[in-house]
Amino acid sequence: MLLDTTKTALTSILKCDPNMTPQRGKEIVRFACQDPAHAPNEKAIERIVRRREAAELLSVTPRCIDNWATSGLLHKVMLPGRTRAAGFRLSDVEALMTGEVQS
């Protein structure tokens, strides 16, 4: 929770911004004043690891990672704005490490 003085200062700063609409300013202040324990649940951003990093984590070769991706054991995630670059979800790699993967 923010102190009242911090809330007042934030409101004043947002009012000075010529690009800030009053509605958007109120949304930002409301968001900043939320108790983190009661904040809306947003989907966590999943960390993507590159092929080589996945191989190092699993103590295998990058070619093995390619084979697992081809067989469907690991699922490739295309990186935004790229045509060939792909990675793997860290949670999928960790699931392979712990043996929790279902093929």
C-alpha atoms as a PDB file:
ATOM      1  CA  MET A   1       0.000   0.000   0.000  1.00  0.00           C
ATOM      2  CA  LEU A   2       1.172   3.501  -0.781  1.00  0.00           C
ATOM      3  CA  LEU A   3       1.277   6.357   1.685  1.00  0.00           C
ATOM      4  CA  ASP A   4      -1.182   9.172   0.991  1.00  0.00           C
ATOM      5  CA  THR A   5       1.710  11.528   0.245  1.00  0.00           C
ATOM      6  CA  THR A   6       3.085   9.099  -2.338  1.00  0.00           C
ATOM      7  CA  LYS A   7      -0.343   8.772  -3.938  1.00  0.00           C
ATOM      8  CA  THR A   8      -0.648  12.575  -4.102  1.00  0.00           C
ATOM      9  CA  ALA A   9       2.823  12.914  -5.628  1.00  0.00           C
ATOM     10  CA  LEU A  10       2.101  10.229  -8.225  1.00  0.00           C
ATOM     11  CA  THR A  11      -1.196  11.881  -9.157  1.00  0.00           C
ATOM     12  CA  SER A  12       0.548  15.250  -9.562  1.00  0.00           C
ATOM     13  CA  ILE A  13       3.275  13.779 -11.764  1.00  0.00           C
ATOM     14  CA  LEU A  14       0.725  12.082 -14.011  1.00  0.00           C
ATOM     15  CA  LYS A  15      -1.281  15.316 -14.361  1.00  0.00           C
ATOM     16  CA  CYS A  16       1.865  17.072 -15.667  1.00  0.00           C
ATOM     17  CA  ASP A  17       2.311  14.531 -18.468  1.00  0.00           C
ATOM     18  CA  PRO A  18       0.675  15.987 -21.620  1.00  0.00           C
ATOM     19  CA  ASN A  19       0.267  12.507 -23.134  1.00  0.00           C
ATOM     20  CA  MET A  20      -1.583  11.079 -20.128  1.00  0.00           C
ATOM     21  CA  THR A  21      -5.374  10.973 -20.275  1.00  0.00           C
ATOM     22  CA  PRO A  22      -7.237  11.501 -16.980  1.00  0.00           C
ATOM     23  CA  GLN A  23      -8.752   8.013 -17.195  1.00  0.00           C
ATOM     24  CA  ARG A  24      -5.371   6.351 -17.769  1.00  0.00           C
ATOM     25  CA  GLY A  25      -3.856   8.355 -14.894  1.00  0.00           C
ATOM     26  CA  LYS A  26      -6.582   7.112 -12.540  1.00  0.00           C
ATOM     27  CA  GLU A  27      -5.956   3.521 -13.672  1.00  0.00           C
ATOM     28  CA  ILE A  28      -2.240   3.840 -12.968  1.00  0.00           C
ATOM     29  CA  VAL A  29      -2.811   5.305  -9.502  1.00  0.00           C
ATOM     30  CA  ARG A  30      -5.410   2.626  -8.711  1.00  0.00           C
ATOM     31  CA  PHE A  31      -2.990  -0.094  -9.833  1.00  0.00           C
ATOM     32  CA  ALA A  32      -0.122   1.381  -7.801  1.00  0.00           C
ATOM     33  CA  CYS A  33      -2.302   1.544  -4.682  1.00  0.00           C
ATOM     34  CA  GLN A  34      -3.381  -2.108  -4.841  1.00  0.00           C
ATOM     35  CA  ASP A  35      -2.270  -4.476  -2.137  1.00  0.00           C
ATOM     36  CA  PRO A  36       0.034  -6.992  -3.883  1.00  0.00           C
ATOM     37  CA  ALA A  37      -1.732  -9.848  -2.094  1.00  0.00           C
ATOM     38  CA  HIS A  38      -5.019  -8.832  -3.746  1.00  0.00           C
ATOM     39  CA  ALA A  39      -3.698  -7.853  -7.168  1.00  0.00           C
ATOM     40  CA  PRO A  40      -5.446  -9.485 -10.116  1.00  0.00           C
ATOM     41  CA  ASN A  41      -3.792 -12.712 -11.168  1.00  0.00           C
ATOM     42  CA  GLU A  42      -2.075 -12.270 -14.480  1.00  0.00           C
ATOM     43  CA  LYS A  43      -0.508 -15.125 -16.331  1.00  0.00           C
ATOM     44  CA  ALA A  44       3.147 -15.329 -15.403  1.00  0.00           C
ATOM     45  CA  ILE A  45       5.581 -14.743 -18.206  1.00  0.00           C
ATOM     46  CA  GLU A  46       7.231 -18.015 -19.093  1.00  0.00           C
ATOM     47  CA  ARG A  47      11.013 -17.962 -19.512  1.00  0.00           C
ATOM     48  CA  ILE A  48      12.200 -19.265 -22.875  1.00  0.00           C
ATOM     49  CA  VAL A  49      15.606 -20.936 -23.126  1.00  0.00           C
ATOM     50  CA  ARG A  50      17.633 -21.429 -26.263  1.00  0.00           C
ATOM     51  CA  ARG A  51      18.536 -24.815 -27.633  1.00  0.00           C
ATOM     52  CA  ARG A  52      22.098 -24.755 -26.293  1.00  0.00           C
ATOM     53  CA  GLU A  53      20.980 -23.702 -22.811  1.00  0.00           C
ATOM     54  CA  ALA A  54      18.357 -26.459 -22.752  1.00  0.00           C
ATOM     55  CA  ALA A  55      21.054 -28.947 -23.742  1.00  0.00           C
ATOM     56  CA  GLU A  56      23.344 -27.741 -20.946  1.00  0.00           C
ATOM     57  CA  LEU A  57      20.552 -27.961 -18.373  1.00  0.00           C
ATOM     58  CA  LEU A  58      19.751 -31.523 -19.428  1.00  0.00           C
ATOM     59  CA  SER A  59      23.404 -32.564 -19.916  1.00  0.00           C
ATOM     60  CA  VAL A  60      22.798 -33.633 -23.509  1.00  0.00           C
ATOM     61  CA  THR A  61      23.907 -32.374 -26.910  1.00  0.00           C
ATOM     62  CA  PRO A  62      22.006 -29.713 -28.864  1.00  0.00           C
ATOM     63  CA  ARG A  63      21.331 -32.399 -31.490  1.00  0.00           C
ATOM     64  CA  CYS A  64      19.550 -34.455 -28.818  1.00  0.00           C
ATOM     65  CA  ILE A  65      17.352 -31.433 -28.069  1.00  0.00           C
ATOM     66  CA  ASP A  66      16.514 -31.239 -31.794  1.00  0.00           C
ATOM     67  CA  ASN A  67      15.589 -34.926 -31.823  1.00  0.00           C
ATOM     68  CA  TRP A  68      13.366 -34.523 -28.760  1.00  0.00           C
ATOM     69  CA  ALA A  69      11.662 -31.539 -30.392  1.00  0.00           C
ATOM     70  CA  THR A  70      11.067 -33.556 -33.578  1.00  0.00           C
ATOM     71  CA  SER A  71       9.624 -36.454 -31.587  1.00  0.00           C
ATOM     72  CA  GLY A  72       7.364 -34.120 -29.575  1.00  0.00           C
ATOM     73  CA  LEU A  73       9.052 -34.636 -26.214  1.00  0.00           C
ATOM     74  CA  LEU A  74       9.932 -30.920 -26.138  1.00  0.00           C
ATOM     75  CA  HIS A  75       7.769 -28.272 -27.793  1.00  0.00           C
ATOM     76  CA  LYS A  76       9.405 -25.442 -29.713  1.00  0.00           C
ATOM     77  CA  VAL A  77       8.212 -21.906 -29.081  1.00  0.00           C
ATOM     78  CA  MET A  78       8.745 -19.454 -31.921  1.00  0.00           C
ATOM     79  CA  LEU A  79      10.252 -16.183 -30.750  1.00  0.00           C
ATOM     80  CA  PRO A  80       8.220 -13.089 -31.643  1.00  0.00           C
ATOM     81  CA  GLY A  81       9.340 -11.188 -34.705  1.00  0.00           C
ATOM     82  CA  ARG A  82      11.576 -14.012 -35.861  1.00  0.00           C
ATOM     83  CA  THR A  83      11.112 -16.461 -38.689  1.00  0.00           C
ATOM     84  CA  ARG A  84      13.574 -19.181 -37.662  1.00  0.00           C
ATOM     85  CA  ALA A  85      14.454 -18.502 -34.032  1.00  0.00           C
ATOM     86  CA  ALA A  86      12.831 -20.832 -31.550  1.00  0.00           C
ATOM     87  CA  GLY A  87      13.323 -21.762 -27.949  1.00  0.00           C
ATOM     88  CA  PHE A  88      11.852 -24.010 -25.303  1.00  0.00           C
ATOM     89  CA  ARG A  89       9.827 -23.217 -22.187  1.00  0.00           C
ATOM     90  CA  LEU A  90      11.984 -23.526 -19.091  1.00  0.00           C
ATOM     91  CA  SER A  91       9.129 -25.339 -17.339  1.00  0.00           C
ATOM     92  CA  ASP A  92       9.161 -28.015 -20.091  1.00  0.00           C
ATOM     93  CA  VAL A  93      12.921 -28.441 -19.750  1.00  0.00           C
ATOM     94  CA  GLU A  94      12.627 -28.665 -15.953  1.00  0.00           C
ATOM     95  CA  ALA A  95       9.855 -31.241 -16.321  1.00  0.00           C
ATOM     96  CA  LEU A  96      12.244 -33.371 -18.395  1.00  0.00           C
ATOM     97  CA  MET A  97      14.904 -32.930 -15.705  1.00  0.00           C
ATOM     98  CA  THR A  98      12.569 -34.228 -12.996  1.00  0.00           C
ATOM     99  CA  GLY A  99      11.014 -36.937 -15.146  1.00  0.00           C
ATOM    100  CA  GLU A 100       7.505 -35.450 -15.099  1.00  0.00           C
ATOM    101  CA  VAL A 101       7.091 -35.425 -18.884  1.00  0.00           C
ATOM    102  CA  GLN A 102       4.297 -37.332 -20.556  1.00  0.00           C
ATOM    103  CA  SER A 103       4.907 -38.049 -24.221  1.00  0.00           C
END
